[in-house]
Amino acid sequence: MNHDLVAARAAEEIIELLTLCQQLQSEKDGRERPAPGTYSRDEDDFADRIRSACGHALQLRQLLTVATTLSAIGAEMERRGEISVLPGEDYAQKALARLTEQYLSDRDNKQ
């Protein structure tokens, strides 16, 4: 399974739903609003919130890709005996904690 494609599709679905939400609210209000990906000086608070939420959905796409990659790294780290992951624990979080400890822990001591 290509996790990048899954993340991209999830973000697209969120944006589609937000766009539909804005369209329905605009019809109800009798007001035209800019498409979520565009900026307008006439943008009201609702349109601003939708645009901002769409931006967060795009960021989520990147974070989902990072999380799935980090999870795969965690599984490999466990296989190599570098970390231990108990049932219910998250491979990505364990891998991130180990990498942070390995690469950033002495940074705090030097500052």
PDB file of N, CA and C in Angstrom:
ATOM      1  N   MET A   1       0.844  -1.180   0.000  1.00  0.00           N
ATOM      2  CA  MET A   1       0.000   0.000   0.000  1.00  0.00           C
ATOM      3  C   MET A   1       0.888   1.243   0.000  1.00  0.00           C
ATOM      4  N   ASN A   2       0.604   2.169  -0.878  1.00  0.00           N
ATOM      5  CA  ASN A   2       1.371   3.408  -0.951  1.00  0.00           C
ATOM      6  C   ASN A   2       0.769   4.413   0.031  1.00  0.00           C
ATOM      7  N   HIS A   3       1.483   4.622   1.139  1.00  0.00           N
ATOM      8  CA  HIS A   3       0.967   5.494   2.193  1.00  0.00           C
ATOM      9  C   HIS A   3       0.880   6.948   1.749  1.00  0.00           C
ATOM     10  N   ASP A   4       1.758   7.360   0.834  1.00  0.00           N
ATOM     11  CA  ASP A   4       1.688   8.731   0.320  1.00  0.00           C
ATOM     12  C   ASP A   4       0.369   8.966  -0.404  1.00  0.00           C
ATOM     13  N   LEU A   5      -0.067   7.984  -1.190  1.00  0.00           N
ATOM     14  CA  LEU A   5      -1.334   8.117  -1.912  1.00  0.00           C
ATOM     15  C   LEU A   5      -2.522   8.115  -0.960  1.00  0.00           C
ATOM     16  N   VAL A   6      -2.455   7.283   0.073  1.00  0.00           N
ATOM     17  CA  VAL A   6      -3.531   7.238   1.067  1.00  0.00           C
ATOM     18  C   VAL A   6      -3.629   8.580   1.788  1.00  0.00           C
ATOM     19  N   ALA A   7      -2.484   9.132   2.186  1.00  0.00           N
ATOM     20  CA  ALA A   7      -2.469  10.427   2.870  1.00  0.00           C
ATOM     21  C   ALA A   7      -2.984  11.529   1.957  1.00  0.00           C
ATOM     22  N   ALA A   8      -2.567  11.504   0.704  1.00  0.00           N
ATOM     23  CA  ALA A   8      -3.019  12.520  -0.252  1.00  0.00           C
ATOM     24  C   ALA A   8      -4.526  12.433  -0.444  1.00  0.00           C
ATOM     25  N   ARG A   9      -5.048  11.220  -0.558  1.00  0.00           N
ATOM     26  CA  ARG A   9      -6.493  11.054  -0.755  1.00  0.00           C
ATOM     27  C   ARG A   9      -7.265  11.506   0.481  1.00  0.00           C
ATOM     28  N   ALA A  10      -6.758  11.216   1.666  1.00  0.00           N
ATOM     29  CA  ALA A  10      -7.420  11.651   2.898  1.00  0.00           C
ATOM     30  C   ALA A  10      -7.493  13.173   2.956  1.00  0.00           C
ATOM     31  N   ALA A  11      -6.397  13.837   2.614  1.00  0.00           N
ATOM     32  CA  ALA A  11      -6.380  15.305   2.608  1.00  0.00           C
ATOM     33  C   ALA A  11      -7.345  15.852   1.567  1.00  0.00           C
ATOM     34  N   GLU A  12      -7.381  15.231   0.397  1.00  0.00           N
ATOM     35  CA  GLU A  12      -8.304  15.672  -0.656  1.00  0.00           C
ATOM     36  C   GLU A  12      -9.754  15.542  -0.201  1.00  0.00           C
ATOM     37  N   GLU A  13     -10.081  14.449   0.478  1.00  0.00           N
ATOM     38  CA  GLU A  13     -11.447  14.247   0.959  1.00  0.00           C
ATOM     39  C   GLU A  13     -11.830  15.298   1.992  1.00  0.00           C
ATOM     40  N   ILE A  14     -10.907  15.621   2.877  1.00  0.00           N
ATOM     41  CA  ILE A  14     -11.173  16.657   3.877  1.00  0.00           C
ATOM     42  C   ILE A  14     -11.436  17.987   3.181  1.00  0.00           C
ATOM     43  N   ILE A  15     -10.597  18.326   2.214  1.00  0.00           N
ATOM     44  CA  ILE A  15     -10.758  19.590   1.486  1.00  0.00           C
ATOM     45  C   ILE A  15     -12.068  19.599   0.707  1.00  0.00           C
ATOM     46  N   GLU A  16     -12.417  18.477   0.082  1.00  0.00           N
ATOM     47  CA  GLU A  16     -13.692  18.395  -0.641  1.00  0.00           C
ATOM     48  C   GLU A  16     -14.872  18.628   0.299  1.00  0.00           C
ATOM     49  N   LEU A  17     -14.827  18.021   1.478  1.00  0.00           N
ATOM     50  CA  LEU A  17     -15.912  18.194   2.446  1.00  0.00           C
ATOM     51  C   LEU A  17     -15.987  19.626   2.964  1.00  0.00           C
ATOM     52  N   LEU A  18     -14.846  20.230   3.215  1.00  0.00           N
ATOM     53  CA  LEU A  18     -14.835  21.627   3.661  1.00  0.00           C
ATOM     54  C   LEU A  18     -15.361  22.553   2.574  1.00  0.00           C
ATOM     55  N   THR A  19     -14.990  22.278   1.333  1.00  0.00           N
ATOM     56  CA  THR A  19     -15.470  23.080   0.207  1.00  0.00           C
ATOM     57  C   THR A  19     -16.983  22.947   0.075  1.00  0.00           C
ATOM     58  N   LEU A  20     -17.493  21.731   0.215  1.00  0.00           N
ATOM     59  CA  LEU A  20     -18.940  21.516   0.162  1.00  0.00           C
ATOM     60  C   LEU A  20     -19.636  22.233   1.314  1.00  0.00           C
ATOM     61  N   CYS A  21     -19.055  22.160   2.485  1.00  0.00           N
ATOM     62  CA  CYS A  21     -19.601  22.855   3.654  1.00  0.00           C
ATOM     63  C   CYS A  21     -19.703  24.352   3.384  1.00  0.00           C
ATOM     64  N   GLN A  22     -18.648  24.919   2.819  1.00  0.00           N
ATOM     65  CA  GLN A  22     -18.662  26.351   2.508  1.00  0.00           C
ATOM     66  C   GLN A  22     -19.714  26.668   1.451  1.00  0.00           C
ATOM     67  N   GLN A  23     -19.809  25.817   0.447  1.00  0.00           N
ATOM     68  CA  GLN A  23     -20.791  26.031  -0.620  1.00  0.00           C
ATOM     69  C   GLN A  23     -22.213  26.014  -0.052  1.00  0.00           C
ATOM     70  N   LEU A  24     -22.511  25.039   0.794  1.00  0.00           N
ATOM     71  CA  LEU A  24     -23.847  24.942   1.389  1.00  0.00           C
ATOM     72  C   LEU A  24     -24.144  26.132   2.296  1.00  0.00           C
ATOM     73  N   GLN A  25     -23.147  26.542   3.078  1.00  0.00           N
ATOM     74  CA  GLN A  25     -23.341  27.701   3.953  1.00  0.00           C
ATOM     75  C   GLN A  25     -23.537  28.965   3.127  1.00  0.00           C
ATOM     76  N   SER A  26     -22.808  29.084   2.031  1.00  0.00           N
ATOM     77  CA  SER A  26     -22.946  30.252   1.155  1.00  0.00           C
ATOM     78  C   SER A  26     -24.339  30.297   0.537  1.00  0.00           C
ATOM     79  N   GLU A  27     -24.849  29.138   0.123  1.00  0.00           N
ATOM     80  CA  GLU A  27     -26.209  29.085  -0.423  1.00  0.00           C
ATOM     81  C   GLU A  27     -27.227  29.480   0.638  1.00  0.00           C
ATOM     82  N   LYS A  28     -27.027  29.005   1.853  1.00  0.00           N
ATOM     83  CA  LYS A  28     -27.938  29.329   2.952  1.00  0.00           C
ATOM     84  C   LYS A  28     -27.904  30.818   3.272  1.00  0.00           C
ATOM     85  N   ASP A  29     -26.705  31.402   3.272  1.00  0.00           N
ATOM     86  CA  ASP A  29     -26.529  32.823   3.597  1.00  0.00           C
ATOM     87  C   ASP A  29     -26.872  33.737   2.431  1.00  0.00           C
ATOM     88  N   GLY A  30     -26.904  33.175   1.217  1.00  0.00           N
ATOM     89  CA  GLY A  30     -27.080  34.010   0.031  1.00  0.00           C
ATOM     90  C   GLY A  30     -25.867  34.888  -0.214  1.00  0.00           C
ATOM     91  N   ARG A  31     -24.703  34.367   0.115  1.00  0.00           N
ATOM     92  CA  ARG A  31     -23.460  35.139   0.000  1.00  0.00           C
ATOM     93  C   ARG A  31     -22.433  34.348  -0.800  1.00  0.00           C
ATOM     94  N   GLU A  32     -21.730  35.042  -1.682  1.00  0.00           N
ATOM     95  CA  GLU A  32     -20.655  34.387  -2.434  1.00  0.00           C
ATOM     96  C   GLU A  32     -19.373  34.468  -1.626  1.00  0.00           C
ATOM     97  N   ARG A  33     -18.674  33.358  -1.595  1.00  0.00           N
ATOM     98  CA  ARG A  33     -17.391  33.313  -0.897  1.00  0.00           C
ATOM     99  C   ARG A  33     -16.339  32.781  -1.860  1.00  0.00           C
ATOM    100  N   PRO A  34     -15.072  33.195  -1.666  1.00  0.00           N
ATOM    101  CA  PRO A  34     -14.008  32.693  -2.550  1.00  0.00           C
ATOM    102  C   PRO A  34     -13.772  31.201  -2.305  1.00  0.00           C
ATOM    103  N   ALA A  35     -13.266  30.530  -3.318  1.00  0.00           N
ATOM    104  CA  ALA A  35     -12.904  29.117  -3.161  1.00  0.00           C
ATOM    105  C   ALA A  35     -11.860  29.008  -2.051  1.00  0.00           C
ATOM    106  N   PRO A  36     -11.865  27.909  -1.305  1.00  0.00           N
ATOM    107  CA  PRO A  36     -10.948  27.774  -0.169  1.00  0.00           C
ATOM    108  C   PRO A  36      -9.472  27.995  -0.483  1.00  0.00           C
ATOM    109  N   GLY A  37      -9.034  27.702  -1.686  1.00  0.00           N
ATOM    110  CA  GLY A  37      -7.623  27.868  -2.010  1.00  0.00           C
ATOM    111  C   GLY A  37      -7.227  29.275  -2.403  1.00  0.00           C
ATOM    112  N   THR A  38      -8.181  30.183  -2.439  1.00  0.00           N
ATOM    113  CA  THR A  38      -7.893  31.551  -2.874  1.00  0.00           C
ATOM    114  C   THR A  38      -8.116  32.533  -1.737  1.00  0.00           C
ATOM    115  N   TYR A  39      -7.480  33.679  -1.848  1.00  0.00           N
ATOM    116  CA  TYR A  39      -7.627  34.730  -0.845  1.00  0.00           C
ATOM    117  C   TYR A  39      -8.409  35.879  -1.450  1.00  0.00           C
ATOM    118  N   SER A  40      -9.231  36.491  -0.636  1.00  0.00           N
ATOM    119  CA  SER A  40     -10.013  37.636  -1.082  1.00  0.00           C
ATOM    120  C   SER A  40     -10.110  38.637   0.058  1.00  0.00           C
ATOM    121  N   ARG A  41     -10.097  39.917  -0.287  1.00  0.00           N
ATOM    122  CA  ARG A  41     -10.260  40.949   0.741  1.00  0.00           C
ATOM    123  C   ARG A  41     -11.667  40.930   1.327  1.00  0.00           C
ATOM    124  N   ASP A  42     -12.604  40.395   0.554  1.00  0.00           N
ATOM    125  CA  ASP A  42     -13.994  40.344   0.992  1.00  0.00           C
ATOM    126  C   ASP A  42     -14.299  39.088   1.813  1.00  0.00           C
ATOM    127  N   GLU A  43     -13.285  38.356   2.159  1.00  0.00           N
ATOM    128  CA  GLU A  43     -13.466  37.099   2.872  1.00  0.00           C
ATOM    129  C   GLU A  43     -14.022  37.348   4.272  1.00  0.00           C
ATOM    130  N   ASP A  44     -15.089  36.638   4.611  1.00  0.00           N
ATOM    131  CA  ASP A  44     -15.633  36.757   5.963  1.00  0.00           C
ATOM    132  C   ASP A  44     -14.954  35.736   6.880  1.00  0.00           C
ATOM    133  N   ASP A  45     -15.333  35.753   8.146  1.00  0.00           N
ATOM    134  CA  ASP A  45     -14.702  34.875   9.130  1.00  0.00           C
ATOM    135  C   ASP A  45     -14.886  33.402   8.768  1.00  0.00           C
ATOM    136  N   PHE A  46     -16.077  33.045   8.273  1.00  0.00           N
ATOM    137  CA  PHE A  46     -16.345  31.652   7.910  1.00  0.00           C
ATOM    138  C   PHE A  46     -15.419  31.200   6.783  1.00  0.00           C
ATOM    139  N   ALA A  47     -15.309  31.996   5.738  1.00  0.00           N
ATOM    140  CA  ALA A  47     -14.436  31.652   4.606  1.00  0.00           C
ATOM    141  C   ALA A  47     -12.979  31.572   5.057  1.00  0.00           C
ATOM    142  N   ASP A  48     -12.589  32.453   5.959  1.00  0.00           N
ATOM    143  CA  ASP A  48     -11.223  32.431   6.493  1.00  0.00           C
ATOM    144  C   ASP A  48     -10.969  31.131   7.254  1.00  0.00           C
ATOM    145  N   ARG A  49     -11.941  30.701   8.034  1.00  0.00           N
ATOM    146  CA  ARG A  49     -11.803  29.457   8.788  1.00  0.00           C
ATOM    147  C   ARG A  49     -11.723  28.251   7.856  1.00  0.00           C
ATOM    148  N   ILE A  50     -12.523  28.255   6.798  1.00  0.00           N
ATOM    149  CA  ILE A  50     -12.488  27.153   5.832  1.00  0.00           C
ATOM    150  C   ILE A  50     -11.130  27.120   5.131  1.00  0.00           C
ATOM    151  N   ARG A  51     -10.648  28.290   4.694  1.00  0.00           N
ATOM    152  CA  ARG A  51      -9.345  28.359   4.014  1.00  0.00           C
ATOM    153  C   ARG A  51      -8.237  27.860   4.936  1.00  0.00           C
ATOM    154  N   SER A  52      -8.287  28.279   6.189  1.00  0.00           N
ATOM    155  CA  SER A  52      -7.292  27.854   7.165  1.00  0.00           C
ATOM    156  C   SER A  52      -7.363  26.341   7.397  1.00  0.00           C
ATOM    157  N   ALA A  53      -8.565  25.804   7.514  1.00  0.00           N
ATOM    158  CA  ALA A  53      -8.737  24.362   7.721  1.00  0.00           C
ATOM    159  C   ALA A  53      -8.224  23.570   6.522  1.00  0.00           C
ATOM    160  N   CYS A  54      -8.421  24.090   5.319  1.00  0.00           N
ATOM    161  CA  CYS A  54      -7.899  23.419   4.120  1.00  0.00           C
ATOM    162  C   CYS A  54      -6.372  23.411   4.145  1.00  0.00           C
ATOM    163  N   GLY A  55      -5.778  24.494   4.599  1.00  0.00           N
ATOM    164  CA  GLY A  55      -4.321  24.540   4.746  1.00  0.00           C
ATOM    165  C   GLY A  55      -3.832  23.508   5.747  1.00  0.00           C
ATOM    166  N   HIS A  56      -4.576  23.351   6.833  1.00  0.00           N
ATOM    167  CA  HIS A  56      -4.215  22.337   7.824  1.00  0.00           C
ATOM    168  C   HIS A  56      -4.357  20.930   7.248  1.00  0.00           C
ATOM    169  N   ALA A  57      -5.341  20.719   6.396  1.00  0.00           N
ATOM    170  CA  ALA A  57      -5.507  19.410   5.750  1.00  0.00           C
ATOM    171  C   ALA A  57      -4.303  19.091   4.867  1.00  0.00           C
ATOM    172  N   LEU A  58      -3.782  20.096   4.188  1.00  0.00           N
ATOM    173  CA  LEU A  58      -2.591  19.882   3.358  1.00  0.00           C
ATOM    174  C   LEU A  58      -1.378  19.548   4.224  1.00  0.00           C
ATOM    175  N   GLN A  59      -1.277  20.206   5.379  1.00  0.00           N
ATOM    176  CA  GLN A  59      -0.190  19.881   6.306  1.00  0.00           C
ATOM    177  C   GLN A  59      -0.361  18.469   6.856  1.00  0.00           C
ATOM    178  N   LEU A  60      -1.612  18.092   7.098  1.00  0.00           N
ATOM    179  CA  LEU A  60      -1.900  16.751   7.591  1.00  0.00           C
ATOM    180  C   LEU A  60      -1.414  15.695   6.604  1.00  0.00           C
ATOM    181  N   ARG A  61      -1.558  15.965   5.324  1.00  0.00           N
ATOM    182  CA  ARG A  61      -1.084  15.023   4.305  1.00  0.00           C
ATOM    183  C   ARG A  61       0.407  14.750   4.503  1.00  0.00           C
ATOM    184  N   GLN A  62       1.179  15.806   4.729  1.00  0.00           N
ATOM    185  CA  GLN A  62       2.618  15.631   4.948  1.00  0.00           C
ATOM    186  C   GLN A  62       2.887  14.878   6.250  1.00  0.00           C
ATOM    187  N   LEU A  63       2.143  15.216   7.294  1.00  0.00           N
ATOM    188  CA  LEU A  63       2.356  14.566   8.581  1.00  0.00           C
ATOM    189  C   LEU A  63       1.986  13.085   8.549  1.00  0.00           C
ATOM    190  N   LEU A  64       0.940  12.733   7.814  1.00  0.00           N
ATOM    191  CA  LEU A  64       0.565  11.323   7.691  1.00  0.00           C
ATOM    192  C   LEU A  64       1.675  10.528   7.014  1.00  0.00           C
ATOM    193  N   THR A  65       2.281  11.116   6.000  1.00  0.00           N
ATOM    194  CA  THR A  65       3.389  10.458   5.307  1.00  0.00           C
ATOM    195  C   THR A  65       4.573  10.277   6.253  1.00  0.00           C
ATOM    196  N   VAL A  66       4.888  11.307   7.018  1.00  0.00           N
ATOM    197  CA  VAL A  66       5.988  11.225   7.981  1.00  0.00           C
ATOM    198  C   VAL A  66       5.681  10.166   9.039  1.00  0.00           C
ATOM    199  N   ALA A  67       4.455  10.149   9.540  1.00  0.00           N
ATOM    200  CA  ALA A  67       4.083   9.196  10.586  1.00  0.00           C
ATOM    201  C   ALA A  67       4.164   7.753  10.097  1.00  0.00           C
ATOM    202  N   THR A  68       3.707   7.492   8.888  1.00  0.00           N
ATOM    203  CA  THR A  68       3.766   6.113   8.385  1.00  0.00           C
ATOM    204  C   THR A  68       5.211   5.687   8.124  1.00  0.00           C
ATOM    205  N   THR A  69       6.030   6.611   7.648  1.00  0.00           N
ATOM    206  CA  THR A  69       7.448   6.304   7.438  1.00  0.00           C
ATOM    207  C   THR A  69       8.134   6.059   8.774  1.00  0.00           C
ATOM    208  N   LEU A  70       7.840   6.896   9.757  1.00  0.00           N
ATOM    209  CA  LEU A  70       8.434   6.741  11.082  1.00  0.00           C
ATOM    210  C   LEU A  70       7.983   5.432  11.733  1.00  0.00           C
ATOM    211  N   SER A  71       6.760   5.028  11.485  1.00  0.00           N
ATOM    212  CA  SER A  71       6.265   3.752  11.996  1.00  0.00           C
ATOM    213  C   SER A  71       7.042   2.588  11.380  1.00  0.00           C
ATOM    214  N   ALA A  72       7.309   2.665  10.084  1.00  0.00           N
ATOM    215  CA  ALA A  72       8.097   1.625   9.410  1.00  0.00           C
ATOM    216  C   ALA A  72       9.524   1.597   9.955  1.00  0.00           C
ATOM    217  N   ILE A  73      10.080   2.770  10.222  1.00  0.00           N
ATOM    218  CA  ILE A  73      11.419   2.849  10.816  1.00  0.00           C
ATOM    219  C   ILE A  73      11.397   2.212  12.200  1.00  0.00           C
ATOM    220  N   GLY A  74      10.343   2.488  12.967  1.00  0.00           N
ATOM    221  CA  GLY A  74      10.207   1.896  14.299  1.00  0.00           C
ATOM    222  C   GLY A  74      10.142   0.380  14.257  1.00  0.00           C
ATOM    223  N   ALA A  75       9.410  -0.155  13.293  1.00  0.00           N
ATOM    224  CA  ALA A  75       9.327  -1.614  13.154  1.00  0.00           C
ATOM    225  C   ALA A  75      10.703  -2.204  12.847  1.00  0.00           C
ATOM    226  N   GLU A  76      11.454  -1.531  11.998  1.00  0.00           N
ATOM    227  CA  GLU A  76      12.810  -1.997  11.672  1.00  0.00           C
ATOM    228  C   GLU A  76      13.734  -1.864  12.885  1.00  0.00           C
ATOM    229  N   MET A  77      13.593  -0.778  13.645  1.00  0.00           N
ATOM    230  CA  MET A  77      14.411  -0.597  14.845  1.00  0.00           C
ATOM    231  C   MET A  77      14.111  -1.695  15.864  1.00  0.00           C
ATOM    232  N   GLU A  78      12.839  -2.078  15.974  1.00  0.00           N
ATOM    233  CA  GLU A  78      12.484  -3.159  16.891  1.00  0.00           C
ATOM    234  C   GLU A  78      13.088  -4.480  16.404  1.00  0.00           C
ATOM    235  N   ARG A  79      13.010  -4.731  15.116  1.00  0.00           N
ATOM    236  CA  ARG A  79      13.572  -5.958  14.546  1.00  0.00           C
ATOM    237  C   ARG A  79      15.069  -6.056  14.843  1.00  0.00           C
ATOM    238  N   ARG A  80      15.761  -4.909  14.817  1.00  0.00           N
ATOM    239  CA  ARG A  80      17.208  -4.871  15.082  1.00  0.00           C
ATOM    240  C   ARG A  80      17.533  -4.873  16.574  1.00  0.00           C
ATOM    241  N   GLY A  81      16.517  -4.778  17.410  1.00  0.00           N
ATOM    242  CA  GLY A  81      16.741  -4.759  18.851  1.00  0.00           C
ATOM    243  C   GLY A  81      17.100  -3.394  19.397  1.00  0.00           C
ATOM    244  N   GLU A  82      16.900  -2.345  18.628  1.00  0.00           N
ATOM    245  CA  GLU A  82      17.251  -0.989  19.059  1.00  0.00           C
ATOM    246  C   GLU A  82      16.184  -0.376  19.957  1.00  0.00           C
ATOM    247  N   ILE A  83      14.940  -0.825  19.819  1.00  0.00           N
ATOM    248  CA  ILE A  83      13.848  -0.360  20.670  1.00  0.00           C
ATOM    249  C   ILE A  83      12.963  -1.553  21.007  1.00  0.00           C
ATOM    250  N   SER A  84      12.158  -1.386  22.047  1.00  0.00           N
ATOM    251  CA  SER A  84      11.182  -2.398  22.427  1.00  0.00           C
ATOM    252  C   SER A  84       9.804  -1.746  22.382  1.00  0.00           C
ATOM    253  N   VAL A  85       8.888  -2.377  21.667  1.00  0.00           N
ATOM    254  CA  VAL A  85       7.538  -1.832  21.526  1.00  0.00           C
ATOM    255  C   VAL A  85       6.559  -2.839  22.115  1.00  0.00           C
ATOM    256  N   LEU A  86       5.871  -2.418  23.171  1.00  0.00           N
ATOM    257  CA  LEU A  86       4.899  -3.277  23.836  1.00  0.00           C
ATOM    258  C   LEU A  86       3.546  -3.189  23.137  1.00  0.00           C
ATOM    259  N   PRO A  87       2.690  -4.185  23.342  1.00  0.00           N
ATOM    260  CA  PRO A  87       1.342  -4.112  22.756  1.00  0.00           C
ATOM    261  C   PRO A  87       0.634  -2.825  23.189  1.00  0.00           C
ATOM    262  N   GLY A  88       0.036  -2.158  22.235  1.00  0.00           N
ATOM    263  CA  GLY A  88      -0.650  -0.894  22.510  1.00  0.00           C
ATOM    264  C   GLY A  88       0.228   0.334  22.335  1.00  0.00           C
ATOM    265  N   GLU A  89       1.540   0.136  22.254  1.00  0.00           N
ATOM    266  CA  GLU A  89       2.439   1.266  22.029  1.00  0.00           C
ATOM    267  C   GLU A  89       2.583   1.519  20.535  1.00  0.00           C
ATOM    268  N   ASP A  90       3.025   2.704  20.201  1.00  0.00           N
ATOM    269  CA  ASP A  90       3.105   3.139  18.807  1.00  0.00           C
ATOM    270  C   ASP A  90       4.549   3.091  18.315  1.00  0.00           C
ATOM    271  N   TYR A  91       4.761   2.404  17.191  1.00  0.00           N
ATOM    272  CA  TYR A  91       6.098   2.314  16.607  1.00  0.00           C
ATOM    273  C   TYR A  91       6.664   3.696  16.285  1.00  0.00           C
ATOM    274  N   ALA A  92       5.842   4.562  15.722  1.00  0.00           N
ATOM    275  CA  ALA A  92       6.318   5.893  15.327  1.00  0.00           C
ATOM    276  C   ALA A  92       6.783   6.688  16.542  1.00  0.00           C
ATOM    277  N   GLN A  93       6.008   6.658  17.624  1.00  0.00           N
ATOM    278  CA  GLN A  93       6.383   7.410  18.824  1.00  0.00           C
ATOM    279  C   GLN A  93       7.645   6.849  19.468  1.00  0.00           C
ATOM    280  N   LYS A  94       7.751   5.534  19.504  1.00  0.00           N
ATOM    281  CA  LYS A  94       8.952   4.909  20.068  1.00  0.00           C
ATOM    282  C   LYS A  94      10.185   5.244  19.228  1.00  0.00           C
ATOM    283  N   ALA A  95      10.034   5.184  17.911  1.00  0.00           N
ATOM    284  CA  ALA A  95      11.156   5.506  17.027  1.00  0.00           C
ATOM    285  C   ALA A  95      11.558   6.964  17.190  1.00  0.00           C
ATOM    286  N   LEU A  96      10.578   7.850  17.251  1.00  0.00           N
ATOM    287  CA  LEU A  96      10.876   9.274  17.413  1.00  0.00           C
ATOM    288  C   LEU A  96      11.585   9.532  18.739  1.00  0.00           C
ATOM    289  N   ALA A  97      11.123   8.891  19.805  1.00  0.00           N
ATOM    290  CA  ALA A  97      11.770   9.063  21.111  1.00  0.00           C
ATOM    291  C   ALA A  97      13.222   8.591  21.061  1.00  0.00           C
ATOM    292  N   ARG A  98      13.455   7.456  20.427  1.00  0.00           N
ATOM    293  CA  ARG A  98      14.822   6.918  20.325  1.00  0.00           C
ATOM    294  C   ARG A  98      15.712   7.816  19.476  1.00  0.00           C
ATOM    295  N   LEU A  99      15.202   8.259  18.342  1.00  0.00           N
ATOM    296  CA  LEU A  99      15.989   9.137  17.466  1.00  0.00           C
ATOM    297  C   LEU A  99      16.261  10.485  18.133  1.00  0.00           C
ATOM    298  N   THR A 100      15.277  10.995  18.855  1.00  0.00           N
ATOM    299  CA  THR A 100      15.466  12.258  19.577  1.00  0.00           C
ATOM    300  C   THR A 100      16.553  12.096  20.631  1.00  0.00           C
ATOM    301  N   GLU A 101      16.473  11.000  21.375  1.00  0.00           N
ATOM    302  CA  GLU A 101      17.486  10.720  22.395  1.00  0.00           C
ATOM    303  C   GLU A 101      18.868  10.574  21.761  1.00  0.00           C
ATOM    304  N   GLN A 102      18.925   9.876  20.655  1.00  0.00           N
ATOM    305  CA  GLN A 102      20.203   9.599  20.003  1.00  0.00           C
ATOM    306  C   GLN A 102      20.822  10.843  19.379  1.00  0.00           C
ATOM    307  N   TYR A 103      20.012  11.666  18.747  1.00  0.00           N
ATOM    308  CA  TYR A 103      20.563  12.777  17.969  1.00  0.00           C
ATOM    309  C   TYR A 103      20.407  14.156  18.601  1.00  0.00           C
ATOM    310  N   LEU A 104      19.508  14.304  19.550  1.00  0.00           N
ATOM    311  CA  LEU A 104      19.274  15.641  20.099  1.00  0.00           C
ATOM    312  C   LEU A 104      19.519  15.762  21.594  1.00  0.00           C
ATOM    313  N   SER A 105      19.712  14.663  22.308  1.00  0.00           N
ATOM    314  CA  SER A 105      19.831  14.741  23.764  1.00  0.00           C
ATOM    315  C   SER A 105      21.067  15.510  24.211  1.00  0.00           C
ATOM    316  N   ASP A 106      22.214  15.339  23.555  1.00  0.00           N
ATOM    317  CA  ASP A 106      23.408  16.071  23.971  1.00  0.00           C
ATOM    318  C   ASP A 106      23.377  17.515  23.490  1.00  0.00           C
ATOM    319  N   ARG A 107      22.478  17.840  22.609  1.00  0.00           N
ATOM    320  CA  ARG A 107      22.291  19.234  22.196  1.00  0.00           C
ATOM    321  C   ARG A 107      21.834  20.076  23.377  1.00  0.00           C
ATOM    322  N   ASP A 108      20.905  19.517  24.170  1.00  0.00           N
ATOM    323  CA  ASP A 108      20.388  20.231  25.336  1.00  0.00           C
ATOM    324  C   ASP A 108      21.494  20.485  26.350  1.00  0.00           C
ATOM    325  N   ASN A 109      22.423  19.541  26.473  1.00  0.00           N
ATOM    326  CA  ASN A 109      23.508  19.686  27.434  1.00  0.00           C
ATOM    327  C   ASN A 109      24.544  20.712  26.985  1.00  0.00           C
ATOM    328  N   LYS A 110      24.676  20.924  25.677  1.00  0.00           N
ATOM    329  CA  LYS A 110      25.676  21.852  25.152  1.00  0.00           C
ATOM    330  C   LYS A 110      25.200  23.297  25.190  1.00  0.00           C
ATOM    331  N   GLN A 111      23.888  23.488  25.241  1.00  0.00           N
ATOM    332  CA  GLN A 111      23.357  24.863  25.187  1.00  0.00           C
ATOM    333  C   GLN A 111      23.357  25.530  26.524  1.00  0.00           C
TER     334      GLN A 111
END
